[in-house]
Every structure is written in structure tokens, then in C-alpha cells.
Amino acid sequence: MQMNHSKKRGNRRWAGAAWLLAASASLWLTGCGSKSDAPGKAEKKTVIQNTGSDTIVNLAQAWAEEYAIQEPSVSVEVSGGGSGTGIAALINGTVDIANCSRKMEPEEIQKAKANTGKEPREYMVGYDALAVYVSKENPLEEITLEQLAQIYGEGGKTAKWSELGVKMPGNTPDEIIRVSRQSNSGTYQYFREAILGKGKDFKLGSRDLHGSKDVVELISKTPGAIGYSGMGYAIPQVKQLRVAKKTGDKAYPPNIENTLNNSYPISRPLYMYTLGEPAGAIKKYLEWIHTEAGQKIVQESGYVPLPKEKR
């Protein structure tokens, strides 16, 4: 079953930059979990600071917008920067919720506990199928994990499309242009481990970008490029390849069904972390995310909602 990307979700994703900038600025103006008074009004508004994964940032923004309608007395301020940024803020005790597209490492958990006296609490909030993108003009339709490792991995031998049996159209160069994420990204770390294995690294020379959206946009303008990003970031100018575990296996597209039945081989859970057991407005917000209304937004935003038994 293929995702139905709604107009509402698209507007949230591509028009969100100014909103995110304002939310980021508010991090300097309001304290963690603070309440702020609007001038001339007696009503106080609870502010939840939420930062981290760039993969989740559009989804987190969509949640925040909907929750503001449900709970006008609560403002969820969202900013991105990568999973590493969110985890660093959690370790420093300067954020209420950290968004992560990977699990926190044991040493990160220990740092947070040593610095704040509280142990991070993990909440799974959905899944993401990490799509492999190429230009719409690229004739390639599917790829294996082995081929991706040869393209991206240190010591990998594949550097040209012709080595994959692909003849690029027109005057497009045969060189494969590798698009990746920066190293503080949870997506970067997950893709590296899922494709190359533990202890291995990417080869040098890729174009490393800050955001998931940036990866897809660059590929849309670069016919010889290949890159990875969340499946919810698809636009008409790019193609999501079907992916097989190995040569000879069936290749599957990234979608809800193939993620939940483990057919698609590059999918992962998405997390939110708090310092210790959440209470008050933060607890209520996390509980709402796991309701039907919250999980509906997961699907509308291009991600995979949690099965009921995992909420």
C-alpha cells in the first residue's frame, strides 16, 4: 500500500521554515518547561521545548500545530538540528523532549544521568522507512544493500552508473554523485550501520547536507545523484528505489505495509526522550501522540504509525 501524501501535509513541510526559525529563536527567550505571560492577558501558557532529529521535525511541527488546537494553553516549540543536537540538549537539561531517529547510546544516557540526576525515558512514536532516492530521469528502479555498500562504503568499488548496468540519459555523466547527511544526524548513523555494518565507515567525497529535505532537493536537481532520506520527503522530481537485501531477493518499495511486515530492509523506529518520568503537560502531550489522533498525523506526514499493541 502506497502512501497518500496530502496537500495539508505538503503545506506543513515546505512552508515550515519560517515557523521553525521562530521556534528556534524562542528557545533563547523561554526556559525549559516554562510558562510565559502574554502582554495584557492573565492566562498563562505552558511551553514545551522540543528539539532534535531533522527526520522528525516536520512530524513534530504537525503534532505541535494540531495540539495547539486541542490544548490552547500549551505551546510546543519545535526546532531541528539533528538527533545529536536534541540529545546534547537533553544531556544539558535545556529541553523537555528530544526527538531522535536513533536510540540514545549508553554513554549518552550516562552523561544525561550524571549531569541532571535523571535517567532519560524513551518513547517510540512511529516508524520511518529510509528511502533511497535518485532523479526521476534515472532508469534505475531497484538496488540491493550490497550495491549500496559498494557505492557508499569505504573501499567500495562502485563509482559509475554503468557499473550497475545503468545507461544515463542524454549528456548526464556516468559518475555516481553520493549525497549523504552530516555526522550529527541520526539518519547518517542509522544508514551507515544498516548498510555498511558496525565499525565500518563511509568513503570520502560525498555531499553531506544538514537536512532530510535538502538531500531530496539536491537529488531532484542532480540527475547523477543518489541519496537517502525519510520516505515522507518524496517530491515529484525524484524516484524512490525498491530495495532488496541481497542479489536475487525480491526488492520492496518503502511504504507502511512493507515497513510493518519487515519486508523493506531499511526502516527504523522514531523516538522521543524525556529526562526521567514525564509529568503534567509533557506527560499529557506524549500520551496524546500515542492516541488515534496523534498517530493519524504520523501517517499524514508520510511516516508509519505505530500498531495499536505498541502504543
C-alpha atoms as a PDB file:
ATOM      1  CA  MET A   1       0.000   0.000   0.000  1.00  0.00           C
ATOM      2  CA  GLN A   2       1.472   3.320  -1.079  1.00  0.00           C
ATOM      3  CA  MET A   3       1.422   6.490   0.994  1.00  0.00           C
ATOM      4  CA  ASN A   4      -1.154   9.176   0.167  1.00  0.00           C
ATOM      5  CA  HIS A   5       0.704  12.461   0.629  1.00  0.00           C
ATOM      6  CA  SER A   6      -1.954  15.034   1.448  1.00  0.00           C
ATOM      7  CA  LYS A   7      -1.931  18.679   0.444  1.00  0.00           C
ATOM      8  CA  LYS A   8      -2.194  19.552   4.125  1.00  0.00           C
ATOM      9  CA  ARG A   9       0.989  17.645   4.897  1.00  0.00           C
ATOM     10  CA  GLY A  10       2.833  19.210   1.964  1.00  0.00           C
ATOM     11  CA  ASN A  11       1.954  22.689   3.133  1.00  0.00           C
ATOM     12  CA  ARG A  12       3.247  21.881   6.590  1.00  0.00           C
ATOM     13  CA  ARG A  13       6.523  20.509   5.250  1.00  0.00           C
ATOM     14  CA  TRP A  14       7.564  23.092   2.689  1.00  0.00           C
ATOM     15  CA  ALA A  15       6.159  26.177   4.386  1.00  0.00           C
ATOM     16  CA  GLY A  16       7.552  25.322   7.806  1.00  0.00           C
ATOM     17  CA  ALA A  17      10.952  27.019   7.583  1.00  0.00           C
ATOM     18  CA  ALA A  18       9.834  30.390   8.933  1.00  0.00           C
ATOM     19  CA  TRP A  19       7.866  28.719  11.708  1.00  0.00           C
ATOM     20  CA  LEU A  20      10.879  26.639  12.702  1.00  0.00           C
ATOM     21  CA  LEU A  21      13.115  29.722  12.739  1.00  0.00           C
ATOM     22  CA  ALA A  22      10.732  31.462  15.090  1.00  0.00           C
ATOM     23  CA  ALA A  23      10.530  28.356  17.260  1.00  0.00           C
ATOM     24  CA  SER A  24      14.318  28.112  17.414  1.00  0.00           C
ATOM     25  CA  ALA A  25      14.560  31.745  18.462  1.00  0.00           C
ATOM     26  CA  SER A  26      12.070  31.099  21.225  1.00  0.00           C
ATOM     27  CA  LEU A  27      14.495  28.624  22.788  1.00  0.00           C
ATOM     28  CA  TRP A  28      16.573  31.623  23.838  1.00  0.00           C
ATOM     29  CA  LEU A  29      13.607  33.511  25.160  1.00  0.00           C
ATOM     30  CA  THR A  30      11.752  30.877  27.215  1.00  0.00           C
ATOM     31  CA  GLY A  31      13.059  28.462  29.786  1.00  0.00           C
ATOM     32  CA  CYS A  32      12.720  24.689  29.593  1.00  0.00           C
ATOM     33  CA  GLY A  33       9.139  23.730  30.507  1.00  0.00           C
ATOM     34  CA  SER A  34       8.415  27.348  31.463  1.00  0.00           C
ATOM     35  CA  LYS A  35       5.206  29.373  31.478  1.00  0.00           C
ATOM     36  CA  SER A  36       5.026  32.707  29.727  1.00  0.00           C
ATOM     37  CA  ASP A  37       2.556  35.587  30.144  1.00  0.00           C
ATOM     38  CA  ALA A  38       1.177  37.252  27.025  1.00  0.00           C
ATOM     39  CA  PRO A  39       1.173  41.052  27.428  1.00  0.00           C
ATOM     40  CA  GLY A  40      -2.128  42.286  28.753  1.00  0.00           C
ATOM     41  CA  LYS A  41      -3.506  38.789  29.368  1.00  0.00           C
ATOM     42  CA  ALA A  42      -3.899  36.975  32.652  1.00  0.00           C
ATOM     43  CA  GLU A  43      -3.854  33.471  31.144  1.00  0.00           C
ATOM     44  CA  LYS A  44      -0.523  31.658  31.299  1.00  0.00           C
ATOM     45  CA  LYS A  45       0.666  29.315  28.576  1.00  0.00           C
ATOM     46  CA  THR A  46       2.814  26.249  29.270  1.00  0.00           C
ATOM     47  CA  VAL A  47       5.750  25.988  26.867  1.00  0.00           C
ATOM     48  CA  ILE A  48       7.209  22.570  25.983  1.00  0.00           C
ATOM     49  CA  GLN A  49      10.628  22.774  24.362  1.00  0.00           C
ATOM     50  CA  ASN A  50      11.081  20.052  21.722  1.00  0.00           C
ATOM     51  CA  THR A  51      14.214  19.739  19.584  1.00  0.00           C
ATOM     52  CA  GLY A  52      16.377  17.231  17.736  1.00  0.00           C
ATOM     53  CA  SER A  53      16.038  14.947  14.729  1.00  0.00           C
ATOM     54  CA  ASP A  54      15.669  16.622  11.363  1.00  0.00           C
ATOM     55  CA  THR A  55      13.872  13.497  10.143  1.00  0.00           C
ATOM     56  CA  ILE A  56      11.115  14.026  12.711  1.00  0.00           C
ATOM     57  CA  VAL A  57      10.991  17.836  12.657  1.00  0.00           C
ATOM     58  CA  ASN A  58       8.110  18.110  10.157  1.00  0.00           C
ATOM     59  CA  LEU A  59       6.110  15.489  12.031  1.00  0.00           C
ATOM     60  CA  ALA A  60       6.855  17.193  15.362  1.00  0.00           C
ATOM     61  CA  GLN A  61       5.733  20.504  13.874  1.00  0.00           C
ATOM     62  CA  ALA A  62       2.490  18.924  12.623  1.00  0.00           C
ATOM     63  CA  TRP A  63       1.838  17.474  16.095  1.00  0.00           C
ATOM     64  CA  ALA A  64       2.530  20.848  17.712  1.00  0.00           C
ATOM     65  CA  GLU A  65       0.135  22.651  15.372  1.00  0.00           C
ATOM     66  CA  GLU A  66      -2.699  20.194  15.985  1.00  0.00           C
ATOM     67  CA  TYR A  67      -2.093  20.060  19.737  1.00  0.00           C
ATOM     68  CA  ALA A  68      -2.315  23.853  19.936  1.00  0.00           C
ATOM     69  CA  ILE A  69      -5.893  23.493  18.705  1.00  0.00           C
ATOM     70  CA  GLN A  70      -6.666  20.726  21.202  1.00  0.00           C
ATOM     71  CA  GLU A  71      -4.886  22.381  24.147  1.00  0.00           C
ATOM     72  CA  PRO A  72      -4.649  26.168  23.609  1.00  0.00           C
ATOM     73  CA  SER A  73      -2.964  26.606  26.987  1.00  0.00           C
ATOM     74  CA  VAL A  74       0.069  24.581  25.802  1.00  0.00           C
ATOM     75  CA  SER A  75       2.643  25.701  23.216  1.00  0.00           C
ATOM     76  CA  VAL A  76       5.045  23.074  21.860  1.00  0.00           C
ATOM     77  CA  GLU A  77       8.085  24.882  20.446  1.00  0.00           C
ATOM     78  CA  VAL A  78       9.826  22.735  17.824  1.00  0.00           C
ATOM     79  CA  SER A  79      13.310  23.005  16.310  1.00  0.00           C
ATOM     80  CA  GLY A  80      15.561  20.618  14.391  1.00  0.00           C
ATOM     81  CA  GLY A  81      19.309  20.361  14.064  1.00  0.00           C
ATOM     82  CA  GLY A  82      19.709  16.574  14.150  1.00  0.00           C
ATOM     83  CA  SER A  83      19.357  13.792  16.710  1.00  0.00           C
ATOM     84  CA  GLY A  84      22.757  14.704  18.152  1.00  0.00           C
ATOM     85  CA  THR A  85      21.563  18.245  18.799  1.00  0.00           C
ATOM     86  CA  GLY A  86      18.478  17.010  20.632  1.00  0.00           C
ATOM     87  CA  ILE A  87      20.476  14.545  22.711  1.00  0.00           C
ATOM     88  CA  ALA A  88      23.036  17.216  23.638  1.00  0.00           C
ATOM     89  CA  ALA A  89      20.208  19.490  24.789  1.00  0.00           C
ATOM     90  CA  LEU A  90      18.737  16.662  26.859  1.00  0.00           C
ATOM     91  CA  ILE A  91      22.121  15.942  28.441  1.00  0.00           C
ATOM     92  CA  ASN A  92      22.418  19.637  29.329  1.00  0.00           C
ATOM     93  CA  GLY A  93      18.874  19.727  30.709  1.00  0.00           C
ATOM     94  CA  THR A  94      17.818  22.539  28.365  1.00  0.00           C
ATOM     95  CA  VAL A  95      14.986  20.759  26.542  1.00  0.00           C
ATOM     96  CA  ASP A  96      11.823  18.949  27.622  1.00  0.00           C
ATOM     97  CA  ILE A  97      11.657  16.440  24.753  1.00  0.00           C
ATOM     98  CA  ALA A  98      14.470  15.310  22.437  1.00  0.00           C
ATOM     99  CA  ASN A  99      13.483  13.901  19.035  1.00  0.00           C
ATOM    100  CA  CYS A 100      15.711  11.068  17.793  1.00  0.00           C
ATOM    101  CA  SER A 101      15.790   8.933  14.659  1.00  0.00           C
ATOM    102  CA  ARG A 102      18.095   6.549  16.518  1.00  0.00           C
ATOM    103  CA  LYS A 103      18.393   5.159  20.027  1.00  0.00           C
ATOM    104  CA  MET A 104      20.445   7.056  22.570  1.00  0.00           C
ATOM    105  CA  GLU A 105      23.829   5.423  23.141  1.00  0.00           C
ATOM    106  CA  PRO A 106      24.573   4.021  26.636  1.00  0.00           C
ATOM    107  CA  GLU A 107      27.267   6.652  27.189  1.00  0.00           C
ATOM    108  CA  GLU A 108      24.807   9.420  26.260  1.00  0.00           C
ATOM    109  CA  ILE A 109      22.298   8.081  28.777  1.00  0.00           C
ATOM    110  CA  GLN A 110      25.001   8.019  31.460  1.00  0.00           C
ATOM    111  CA  LYS A 111      26.045  11.598  30.669  1.00  0.00           C
ATOM    112  CA  ALA A 112      22.453  12.793  30.962  1.00  0.00           C
ATOM    113  CA  LYS A 113      22.038  10.997  34.279  1.00  0.00           C
ATOM    114  CA  ALA A 114      25.331  12.331  35.655  1.00  0.00           C
ATOM    115  CA  ASN A 115      24.592  15.890  34.564  1.00  0.00           C
ATOM    116  CA  THR A 116      20.922  16.160  35.518  1.00  0.00           C
ATOM    117  CA  GLY A 117      20.377  13.393  38.059  1.00  0.00           C
ATOM    118  CA  LYS A 118      17.623  11.958  35.830  1.00  0.00           C
ATOM    119  CA  GLU A 119      17.728   8.979  33.505  1.00  0.00           C
ATOM    120  CA  PRO A 120      16.300   9.546  30.006  1.00  0.00           C
ATOM    121  CA  ARG A 121      12.960   7.870  29.331  1.00  0.00           C
ATOM    122  CA  GLU A 122      12.383   6.509  25.809  1.00  0.00           C
ATOM    123  CA  TYR A 123       9.118   6.732  23.854  1.00  0.00           C
ATOM    124  CA  MET A 124       8.659   5.141  20.437  1.00  0.00           C
ATOM    125  CA  VAL A 125       6.384   7.431  18.409  1.00  0.00           C
ATOM    126  CA  GLY A 126       6.343   5.880  14.920  1.00  0.00           C
ATOM    127  CA  TYR A 127       8.498   4.332  12.199  1.00  0.00           C
ATOM    128  CA  ASP A 128      10.324   5.679   9.185  1.00  0.00           C
ATOM    129  CA  ALA A 129      11.269   3.778   6.060  1.00  0.00           C
ATOM    130  CA  LEU A 130      14.566   5.290   4.956  1.00  0.00           C
ATOM    131  CA  ALA A 131      14.127   5.686   1.208  1.00  0.00           C
ATOM    132  CA  VAL A 132      16.905   5.604  -1.386  1.00  0.00           C
ATOM    133  CA  TYR A 133      16.340   8.454  -3.841  1.00  0.00           C
ATOM    134  CA  VAL A 134      17.528   9.058  -7.400  1.00  0.00           C
ATOM    135  CA  SER A 135      16.462  11.572 -10.034  1.00  0.00           C
ATOM    136  CA  LYS A 136      13.236  10.872 -11.903  1.00  0.00           C
ATOM    137  CA  GLU A 137      15.362  10.702 -15.070  1.00  0.00           C
ATOM    138  CA  ASN A 138      17.466   7.826 -13.743  1.00  0.00           C
ATOM    139  CA  PRO A 139      16.446   4.483 -15.364  1.00  0.00           C
ATOM    140  CA  LEU A 140      17.336   2.508 -12.217  1.00  0.00           C
ATOM    141  CA  GLU A 141      14.313   1.056 -10.426  1.00  0.00           C
ATOM    142  CA  GLU A 142      15.797  -1.114  -7.667  1.00  0.00           C
ATOM    143  CA  ILE A 143      19.004  -1.676  -5.727  1.00  0.00           C
ATOM    144  CA  THR A 144      20.421  -4.110  -3.146  1.00  0.00           C
ATOM    145  CA  LEU A 145      22.038  -3.434   0.200  1.00  0.00           C
ATOM    146  CA  GLU A 146      25.248  -4.907  -1.229  1.00  0.00           C
ATOM    147  CA  GLN A 147      25.215  -2.409  -4.104  1.00  0.00           C
ATOM    148  CA  LEU A 148      24.586   0.472  -1.707  1.00  0.00           C
ATOM    149  CA  ALA A 149      27.555  -0.664   0.390  1.00  0.00           C
ATOM    150  CA  GLN A 150      29.746  -0.679  -2.719  1.00  0.00           C
ATOM    151  CA  ILE A 151      28.580   2.848  -3.586  1.00  0.00           C
ATOM    152  CA  TYR A 152      28.846   4.389  -0.101  1.00  0.00           C
ATOM    153  CA  GLY A 153      31.275   2.272   1.883  1.00  0.00           C
ATOM    154  CA  GLU A 154      34.963   2.846   2.437  1.00  0.00           C
ATOM    155  CA  GLY A 155      36.723   0.575  -0.031  1.00  0.00           C
ATOM    156  CA  GLY A 156      33.560   0.210  -2.141  1.00  0.00           C
ATOM    157  CA  LYS A 157      34.284  -0.345  -5.829  1.00  0.00           C
ATOM    158  CA  THR A 158      31.186   1.161  -7.446  1.00  0.00           C
ATOM    159  CA  ALA A 159      31.653   4.743  -8.661  1.00  0.00           C
ATOM    160  CA  LYS A 160      29.801   4.776 -12.009  1.00  0.00           C
ATOM    161  CA  TRP A 161      26.207   4.091 -13.001  1.00  0.00           C
ATOM    162  CA  SER A 162      27.386   1.862 -15.850  1.00  0.00           C
ATOM    163  CA  GLU A 163      28.858  -0.486 -13.228  1.00  0.00           C
ATOM    164  CA  LEU A 164      25.263  -1.106 -12.121  1.00  0.00           C
ATOM    165  CA  GLY A 165      24.164  -1.708 -15.706  1.00  0.00           C
ATOM    166  CA  VAL A 166      22.588   1.727 -15.977  1.00  0.00           C
ATOM    167  CA  LYS A 167      22.935   3.937 -19.060  1.00  0.00           C
ATOM    168  CA  MET A 168      22.216   7.509 -18.018  1.00  0.00           C
ATOM    169  CA  PRO A 169      20.082   9.541 -20.441  1.00  0.00           C
ATOM    170  CA  GLY A 170      21.318  12.430 -22.593  1.00  0.00           C
ATOM    171  CA  ASN A 171      24.535  14.104 -21.507  1.00  0.00           C
ATOM    172  CA  THR A 172      24.287  13.056 -17.854  1.00  0.00           C
ATOM    173  CA  PRO A 173      27.775  11.997 -16.633  1.00  0.00           C
ATOM    174  CA  ASP A 174      28.297   8.349 -15.700  1.00  0.00           C
ATOM    175  CA  GLU A 175      29.743   9.299 -12.297  1.00  0.00           C
ATOM    176  CA  ILE A 176      27.603   8.465  -9.242  1.00  0.00           C
ATOM    177  CA  ILE A 177      27.222  11.560  -7.055  1.00  0.00           C
ATOM    178  CA  ARG A 178      26.760  10.394  -3.457  1.00  0.00           C
ATOM    179  CA  VAL A 179      24.526  12.552  -1.269  1.00  0.00           C
ATOM    180  CA  SER A 180      24.649  11.951   2.476  1.00  0.00           C
ATOM    181  CA  ARG A 181      23.907  13.624   5.821  1.00  0.00           C
ATOM    182  CA  GLN A 182      26.243  15.233   8.321  1.00  0.00           C
ATOM    183  CA  SER A 183      27.633  13.090  11.098  1.00  0.00           C
ATOM    184  CA  ASN A 184      25.466  14.508  13.922  1.00  0.00           C
ATOM    185  CA  SER A 185      22.405  13.135  12.123  1.00  0.00           C
ATOM    186  CA  GLY A 186      20.704  10.014  13.465  1.00  0.00           C
ATOM    187  CA  THR A 187      19.823   9.162   9.864  1.00  0.00           C
ATOM    188  CA  TYR A 188      23.518   9.254   8.950  1.00  0.00           C
ATOM    189  CA  GLN A 189      24.387   6.897  11.786  1.00  0.00           C
ATOM    190  CA  TYR A 190      21.499   4.516  11.097  1.00  0.00           C
ATOM    191  CA  PHE A 191      22.206   4.305   7.344  1.00  0.00           C
ATOM    192  CA  ARG A 192      25.914   3.735   7.943  1.00  0.00           C
ATOM    193  CA  GLU A 193      25.268   0.843  10.328  1.00  0.00           C
ATOM    194  CA  ALA A 194      22.374  -0.676   8.350  1.00  0.00           C
ATOM    195  CA  ILE A 195      24.243  -0.626   5.034  1.00  0.00           C
ATOM    196  CA  LEU A 196      27.912  -0.980   6.000  1.00  0.00           C
ATOM    197  CA  GLY A 197      27.738  -2.780   9.355  1.00  0.00           C
ATOM    198  CA  LYS A 198      29.179  -1.830  12.734  1.00  0.00           C
ATOM    199  CA  GLY A 199      32.699  -0.427  12.796  1.00  0.00           C
ATOM    200  CA  LYS A 200      32.729   0.490   9.100  1.00  0.00           C
ATOM    201  CA  ASP A 201      32.641   3.956   7.607  1.00  0.00           C
ATOM    202  CA  PHE A 202      31.619   5.876   4.511  1.00  0.00           C
ATOM    203  CA  LYS A 203      34.125   6.619   1.753  1.00  0.00           C
ATOM    204  CA  LEU A 204      35.189  10.241   1.395  1.00  0.00           C
ATOM    205  CA  GLY A 205      33.822  12.594  -1.246  1.00  0.00           C
ATOM    206  CA  SER A 206      30.080  12.588  -0.621  1.00  0.00           C
ATOM    207  CA  ARG A 207      27.996  15.754  -0.474  1.00  0.00           C
ATOM    208  CA  ASP A 208      26.965  15.925   3.193  1.00  0.00           C
ATOM    209  CA  LEU A 209      23.882  18.019   3.893  1.00  0.00           C
ATOM    210  CA  HIS A 210      22.228  19.304   7.071  1.00  0.00           C
ATOM    211  CA  GLY A 211      18.632  18.306   6.422  1.00  0.00           C
ATOM    212  CA  SER A 212      16.468  15.498   5.051  1.00  0.00           C
ATOM    213  CA  LYS A 213      14.632  17.936   2.780  1.00  0.00           C
ATOM    214  CA  ASP A 214      17.951  19.285   1.453  1.00  0.00           C
ATOM    215  CA  VAL A 215      19.030  15.780   0.370  1.00  0.00           C
ATOM    216  CA  VAL A 216      15.916  15.239  -1.730  1.00  0.00           C
ATOM    217  CA  GLU A 217      16.019  18.716  -3.255  1.00  0.00           C
ATOM    218  CA  LEU A 218      19.654  18.309  -4.346  1.00  0.00           C
ATOM    219  CA  ILE A 219      18.901  14.936  -5.945  1.00  0.00           C
ATOM    220  CA  SER A 220      15.951  16.459  -7.811  1.00  0.00           C
ATOM    221  CA  LYS A 221      18.361  18.930  -9.446  1.00  0.00           C
ATOM    222  CA  THR A 222      21.237  16.474  -9.982  1.00  0.00           C
ATOM    223  CA  PRO A 223      20.457  13.673 -12.486  1.00  0.00           C
ATOM    224  CA  GLY A 224      23.517  11.603 -11.499  1.00  0.00           C
ATOM    225  CA  ALA A 225      22.903  11.720  -7.745  1.00  0.00           C
ATOM    226  CA  ILE A 226      21.810   9.097  -5.229  1.00  0.00           C
ATOM    227  CA  GLY A 227      20.939   9.718  -1.590  1.00  0.00           C
ATOM    228  CA  TYR A 228      18.913   8.612   1.405  1.00  0.00           C
ATOM    229  CA  SER A 229      16.170  10.354   3.368  1.00  0.00           C
ATOM    230  CA  GLY A 230      12.860   9.622   5.075  1.00  0.00           C
ATOM    231  CA  MET A 231      10.153   8.303   2.771  1.00  0.00           C
ATOM    232  CA  GLY A 232       7.912  11.214   3.740  1.00  0.00           C
ATOM    233  CA  TYR A 233      10.207  13.690   1.972  1.00  0.00           C
ATOM    234  CA  ALA A 234       9.385  12.454  -1.540  1.00  0.00           C
ATOM    235  CA  ILE A 235       8.632  15.050  -4.207  1.00  0.00           C
ATOM    236  CA  PRO A 236       7.558  14.500  -7.864  1.00  0.00           C
ATOM    237  CA  GLN A 237      11.052  15.225  -9.236  1.00  0.00           C
ATOM    238  CA  VAL A 238      12.650  12.194  -7.540  1.00  0.00           C
ATOM    239  CA  LYS A 239      12.187   8.433  -7.503  1.00  0.00           C
ATOM    240  CA  GLN A 240      12.273   6.066  -4.523  1.00  0.00           C
ATOM    241  CA  LEU A 241      14.091   2.854  -5.444  1.00  0.00           C
ATOM    242  CA  ARG A 242      12.844  -0.564  -4.457  1.00  0.00           C
ATOM    243  CA  VAL A 243      15.408  -2.168  -2.134  1.00  0.00           C
ATOM    244  CA  ALA A 244      16.405  -5.847  -1.777  1.00  0.00           C
ATOM    245  CA  LYS A 245      18.510  -7.350   0.991  1.00  0.00           C
ATOM    246  CA  LYS A 246      20.748  -9.148  -1.499  1.00  0.00           C
ATOM    247  CA  THR A 247      21.042 -10.097  -5.157  1.00  0.00           C
ATOM    248  CA  GLY A 248      18.277 -12.489  -6.121  1.00  0.00           C
ATOM    249  CA  ASP A 249      15.901 -11.361  -3.375  1.00  0.00           C
ATOM    250  CA  LYS A 250      12.701  -9.508  -4.131  1.00  0.00           C
ATOM    251  CA  ALA A 251      13.037  -5.727  -3.909  1.00  0.00           C
ATOM    252  CA  TYR A 252      10.390  -3.778  -1.983  1.00  0.00           C
ATOM    253  CA  PRO A 253       9.335  -0.111  -2.075  1.00  0.00           C
ATOM    254  CA  PRO A 254       9.267   1.934   1.131  1.00  0.00           C
ATOM    255  CA  ASN A 255       5.697   2.128   2.433  1.00  0.00           C
ATOM    256  CA  ILE A 256       3.611   1.403   5.536  1.00  0.00           C
ATOM    257  CA  GLU A 257       2.845  -2.245   4.774  1.00  0.00           C
ATOM    258  CA  ASN A 258       6.420  -3.189   3.887  1.00  0.00           C
ATOM    259  CA  THR A 259       7.758  -1.398   6.958  1.00  0.00           C
ATOM    260  CA  LEU A 260       5.393  -3.098   9.404  1.00  0.00           C
ATOM    261  CA  ASN A 261       5.925  -6.585   7.943  1.00  0.00           C
ATOM    262  CA  ASN A 262       9.728  -6.068   7.783  1.00  0.00           C
ATOM    263  CA  SER A 263       9.893  -6.595   4.001  1.00  0.00           C
ATOM    264  CA  TYR A 264      11.549  -3.240   3.416  1.00  0.00           C
ATOM    265  CA  PRO A 265      15.104  -3.629   4.754  1.00  0.00           C
ATOM    266  CA  ILE A 266      15.945  -0.013   5.693  1.00  0.00           C
ATOM    267  CA  SER A 267      13.358   1.026   8.272  1.00  0.00           C
ATOM    268  CA  ARG A 268      13.704   2.151  11.879  1.00  0.00           C
ATOM    269  CA  PRO A 269      11.697   3.353  14.865  1.00  0.00           C
ATOM    270  CA  LEU A 270      11.428   7.052  15.705  1.00  0.00           C
ATOM    271  CA  TYR A 271      11.827   8.155  19.324  1.00  0.00           C
ATOM    272  CA  MET A 272      11.168  10.935  21.779  1.00  0.00           C
ATOM    273  CA  TYR A 273      13.187  11.143  25.011  1.00  0.00           C
ATOM    274  CA  THR A 274      12.453  12.944  28.265  1.00  0.00           C
ATOM    275  CA  LEU A 275      14.552  13.399  31.391  1.00  0.00           C
ATOM    276  CA  GLY A 276      13.053  10.982  33.891  1.00  0.00           C
ATOM    277  CA  GLU A 277       9.354  10.159  34.067  1.00  0.00           C
ATOM    278  CA  PRO A 278       7.397  12.987  32.416  1.00  0.00           C
ATOM    279  CA  ALA A 279       4.633  14.710  34.337  1.00  0.00           C
ATOM    280  CA  GLY A 280       1.986  17.368  33.811  1.00  0.00           C
ATOM    281  CA  ALA A 281       1.716  18.908  30.351  1.00  0.00           C
ATOM    282  CA  ILE A 282       4.648  16.917  28.941  1.00  0.00           C
ATOM    283  CA  LYS A 283       3.123  13.591  30.011  1.00  0.00           C
ATOM    284  CA  LYS A 284      -0.257  14.572  28.601  1.00  0.00           C
ATOM    285  CA  TYR A 285       1.325  15.604  25.290  1.00  0.00           C
ATOM    286  CA  LEU A 286       3.185  12.311  24.892  1.00  0.00           C
ATOM    287  CA  GLU A 287       0.023  10.378  25.712  1.00  0.00           C
ATOM    288  CA  TRP A 288      -1.839  12.353  23.033  1.00  0.00           C
ATOM    289  CA  ILE A 289       0.831  11.488  20.438  1.00  0.00           C
ATOM    290  CA  HIS A 290       0.014   7.803  21.031  1.00  0.00           C
ATOM    291  CA  THR A 291      -3.734   8.288  20.524  1.00  0.00           C
ATOM    292  CA  GLU A 292      -5.542   7.670  17.237  1.00  0.00           C
ATOM    293  CA  ALA A 293      -5.480  11.415  16.558  1.00  0.00           C
ATOM    294  CA  GLY A 294      -1.720  11.657  17.129  1.00  0.00           C
ATOM    295  CA  GLN A 295      -0.914   8.561  15.075  1.00  0.00           C
ATOM    296  CA  LYS A 296      -3.150   9.734  12.234  1.00  0.00           C
ATOM    297  CA  ILE A 297      -0.806  12.710  11.884  1.00  0.00           C
ATOM    298  CA  VAL A 298       2.142  10.283  11.652  1.00  0.00           C
ATOM    299  CA  GLN A 299       0.587   8.745   8.547  1.00  0.00           C
ATOM    300  CA  GLU A 300      -0.496  12.098   7.087  1.00  0.00           C
ATOM    301  CA  SER A 301       3.085  13.336   7.448  1.00  0.00           C
ATOM    302  CA  GLY A 302       4.493  10.452   5.398  1.00  0.00           C
ATOM    303  CA  TYR A 303       5.653   8.169   8.200  1.00  0.00           C
ATOM    304  CA  VAL A 304       4.483   4.819   9.553  1.00  0.00           C
ATOM    305  CA  PRO A 305       2.140   4.870  12.559  1.00  0.00           C
ATOM    306  CA  LEU A 306       2.621   2.522  15.485  1.00  0.00           C
ATOM    307  CA  PRO A 307       0.469  -0.622  15.570  1.00  0.00           C
ATOM    308  CA  LYS A 308      -2.053  -0.397  18.413  1.00  0.00           C
ATOM    309  CA  GLU A 309      -0.224  -3.003  20.504  1.00  0.00           C
ATOM    310  CA  LYS A 310       2.936  -0.848  20.516  1.00  0.00           C
ATOM    311  CA  ARG A 311       1.321   2.417  21.654  1.00  0.00           C
END
